[in-house]
Protein backbone atom coordinates (compact mmCIF):
# COMPACT_ATOMS: atom_id res chain seq x y z
CA UNK A 1 -23.38 14.60 17.43
CA UNK A 2 -26.18 16.03 19.63
CA UNK A 3 -26.52 19.09 21.03
CA UNK A 4 -25.77 17.87 24.44
CA UNK A 5 -22.94 16.34 23.39
CA UNK A 6 -21.64 19.09 21.86
CA UNK A 7 -21.87 21.50 24.73
CA UNK A 8 -19.66 18.59 26.42
CA UNK A 9 -17.08 18.92 24.08
CA UNK A 10 -17.26 22.81 24.22
CA UNK A 11 -16.93 22.27 28.01
CA UNK A 12 -14.74 19.95 28.87
CA UNK A 13 -13.07 18.97 25.86
CA UNK A 14 -12.74 16.19 23.57
CA UNK A 15 -10.88 13.77 25.81
CA UNK A 16 -13.74 14.20 28.54
CA UNK A 17 -15.78 12.76 26.07
CA UNK A 18 -13.97 10.02 24.90
CA UNK A 19 -13.14 8.82 28.26
CA UNK A 20 -17.36 9.09 28.74
CA UNK A 21 -17.61 6.48 26.19
CA UNK A 22 -14.89 4.13 27.08
CA UNK A 23 -11.56 2.73 26.30
CA UNK A 24 -10.80 2.34 22.76
CA UNK A 25 -11.05 -1.78 21.53
CA UNK A 26 -7.31 -3.48 21.87
CA UNK A 27 -4.88 -2.69 19.39
CA UNK A 28 -4.19 -6.35 17.82
CA UNK A 29 -0.96 -7.89 18.67
CA UNK A 30 -0.03 -10.61 16.55
CA UNK A 31 0.76 -13.90 18.64
CA UNK A 32 -0.93 -11.87 21.74
CA UNK A 33 -4.40 -11.09 20.39
CA UNK A 34 -4.41 -12.12 16.92
CA UNK A 35 -3.48 -14.64 14.64
CA UNK A 36 0.73 -14.49 14.65
CA UNK A 37 1.33 -14.64 10.51
CA UNK A 38 5.37 -15.03 11.42
CA UNK A 39 5.44 -17.94 13.93
CA UNK A 40 8.91 -18.89 13.55
CA UNK A 41 10.56 -15.20 13.70
CA UNK A 42 13.10 -14.47 11.38
CA UNK A 43 12.60 -16.89 8.67
CA UNK A 44 9.07 -16.47 8.05
CA UNK A 45 9.67 -12.83 6.94
CA UNK A 46 13.33 -13.52 5.08
CA UNK A 47 11.89 -15.23 2.07
CA UNK A 48 12.40 -15.59 -1.95
CA UNK A 49 10.16 -12.79 -2.99
CA UNK A 50 10.28 -13.63 -6.51
CA UNK A 51 7.48 -11.93 -7.60
CA UNK A 52 9.67 -8.97 -6.66
CA UNK A 53 12.93 -10.45 -7.58
CA UNK A 54 14.07 -9.93 -3.98
CA UNK A 55 15.36 -12.65 -2.54
CA UNK A 56 16.21 -11.94 1.76
CA UNK A 57 16.57 -15.52 2.72
CA UNK A 58 19.72 -15.73 5.34
CA UNK A 59 22.23 -18.06 2.73
CA UNK A 60 21.19 -15.52 -0.14
CA UNK A 61 22.27 -12.54 2.69
CA UNK A 62 24.97 -14.49 3.93
CA UNK A 63 26.80 -15.10 0.17
CA UNK A 64 26.39 -11.01 -0.50
CA UNK A 65 28.05 -10.47 2.88
CA UNK A 66 30.66 -12.52 2.41
CA UNK A 67 31.60 -10.14 -0.59
CA UNK A 68 30.95 -7.09 0.72
CA UNK A 69 28.16 -5.73 3.86
CA UNK A 70 26.26 -2.85 2.61
CA UNK A 71 27.28 0.59 3.88
CA UNK A 72 23.78 1.35 5.86
CA UNK A 73 23.92 -2.13 7.39
CA UNK A 74 27.94 -1.91 7.91
CA UNK A 75 27.35 1.24 9.87
CA UNK A 76 24.39 0.06 12.08
CA UNK A 77 26.72 -3.03 12.70
CA UNK A 78 29.52 -1.08 13.83
CA UNK A 79 27.27 0.91 15.94
CA UNK A 80 26.19 -2.44 17.84
CA UNK A 81 30.02 -3.66 17.87
CA UNK A 82 31.75 -4.15 21.21
CA UNK A 83 34.29 -1.34 22.08
CA UNK A 84 37.71 -1.68 20.35
CA UNK A 85 36.09 -4.35 17.40
CA UNK A 86 36.85 -3.92 13.95
CA UNK A 87 34.76 -5.10 11.34
CA UNK A 88 35.85 -5.61 8.22
CA UNK A 89 33.15 -4.93 5.78
CA UNK A 90 31.98 -8.55 5.36
CA UNK A 91 30.72 -11.31 7.03
CA UNK A 92 33.11 -14.30 7.46
CA UNK A 93 32.27 -17.52 5.89
CA UNK A 94 29.27 -19.10 7.71
CA UNK A 95 28.72 -22.24 6.30
CA UNK A 96 25.77 -24.07 7.68
CA UNK A 97 24.36 -21.18 9.79
CA UNK A 98 21.31 -21.21 7.84
CA UNK A 99 20.10 -23.92 9.73
CA UNK A 100 18.75 -22.44 12.62
CA UNK A 101 18.42 -19.11 12.55
CA UNK A 102 18.77 -16.84 14.76
CA UNK A 103 20.25 -19.79 16.50
CA UNK A 104 23.34 -20.59 14.89
CA UNK A 105 24.03 -16.66 14.66
CA UNK A 106 24.15 -16.46 18.32
CA UNK A 107 27.31 -18.72 18.64
CA UNK A 108 29.52 -15.22 16.98
CA UNK A 109 26.38 -12.83 17.83
CA UNK A 110 26.18 -13.56 21.58
CA UNK A 111 24.90 -11.08 24.43
CA UNK A 112 28.67 -10.69 25.78
CA UNK A 113 30.35 -11.17 22.18
CA UNK A 114 33.68 -9.53 21.83
CA UNK A 115 34.49 -11.03 18.07
CA UNK A 116 30.85 -9.69 16.66
CA UNK A 117 28.17 -6.90 17.40
CA UNK A 118 26.19 -8.85 19.44
CA UNK A 119 22.69 -10.11 18.23
CA UNK A 120 20.03 -7.77 19.89
CA UNK A 121 21.75 -4.39 19.91
CA UNK A 122 22.47 -5.03 15.88
CA UNK A 123 19.18 -6.37 14.99
CA UNK A 124 16.89 -3.51 16.68
CA UNK A 125 19.25 -0.98 15.37
CA UNK A 126 18.63 -2.83 11.77
CA UNK A 127 14.95 -3.27 11.77
CA UNK A 128 13.84 -0.22 13.96
CA UNK A 129 15.43 2.27 12.32
CA UNK A 130 15.78 4.65 9.25
CA UNK A 131 11.94 5.31 9.55
CA UNK A 132 10.36 5.32 5.51
CA UNK A 133 12.96 3.85 3.94
CA UNK A 134 12.88 0.66 6.58
CA UNK A 135 10.92 -2.30 4.82
CA UNK A 136 10.65 -3.59 8.49
CA UNK A 137 9.24 -0.57 9.52
CA UNK A 138 7.04 -0.02 6.54
CA UNK A 139 5.44 -3.28 5.18
CA UNK A 140 5.64 -4.90 9.11
CA UNK A 141 5.21 -2.19 11.16
CA UNK A 142 8.02 -2.67 13.09
CA UNK A 143 5.57 -4.90 15.39
CA UNK A 144 7.88 -6.83 18.01
CA UNK A 145 5.78 -9.90 18.09
CA UNK A 146 6.73 -11.01 15.32
CA UNK A 147 10.01 -11.99 16.25
CA UNK A 148 9.54 -11.73 19.80
CA UNK A 149 7.41 -14.96 20.70
CA UNK A 150 5.13 -14.57 24.53
CA UNK A 151 4.04 -18.03 26.00
CA UNK A 152 1.19 -17.09 27.47
CA UNK A 153 0.85 -19.06 30.03
CA UNK A 154 4.20 -18.37 31.64
CA UNK A 155 4.56 -14.72 30.61
CA UNK A 156 7.98 -15.27 29.18
CA UNK A 157 9.41 -14.06 26.03
CA UNK A 158 11.50 -16.11 23.73
CA UNK A 159 13.31 -15.50 20.19
CA UNK A 160 12.32 -19.00 18.02
CA UNK A 161 15.09 -20.11 15.82
CA UNK A 162 14.27 -21.94 12.40
CA UNK A 163 15.56 -23.52 9.45
CA UNK A 164 15.69 -21.02 6.30
CA UNK A 165 12.64 -21.82 3.94
């Protein structure tokens, strides 16, 4: 930093110097101004990570949830559930639901559902809470465009659906 810049910093503060240097570069946002590593949304992240001995595919999760939903996950689902709905602590049988994720999920988890927690509130509670304990926030940085896809021509958002891999 030269003497003139040091004087500016002292007189005007660091924010004035930053403004004089111009705006920062745009943040790289997948699917907007950077490559989208998860074009199919849910199913591109929910994979069988054999090297980590971690299978997060929906077929596997649904089998587990058919027995019992983990308490912290159940708590988030209950918080998103419509008033008066009691969740049993296990997911009902969901055969064929992995053919189109999350498309098939919306039959029960629709926006106005009274039989299951609506998808948007439940998924946002699951993926965007829990801080450092939440892999979506730590591994995937909570990036909205990993799930929500913008059509750059129309400006419309969509949630892609695809079969599990």
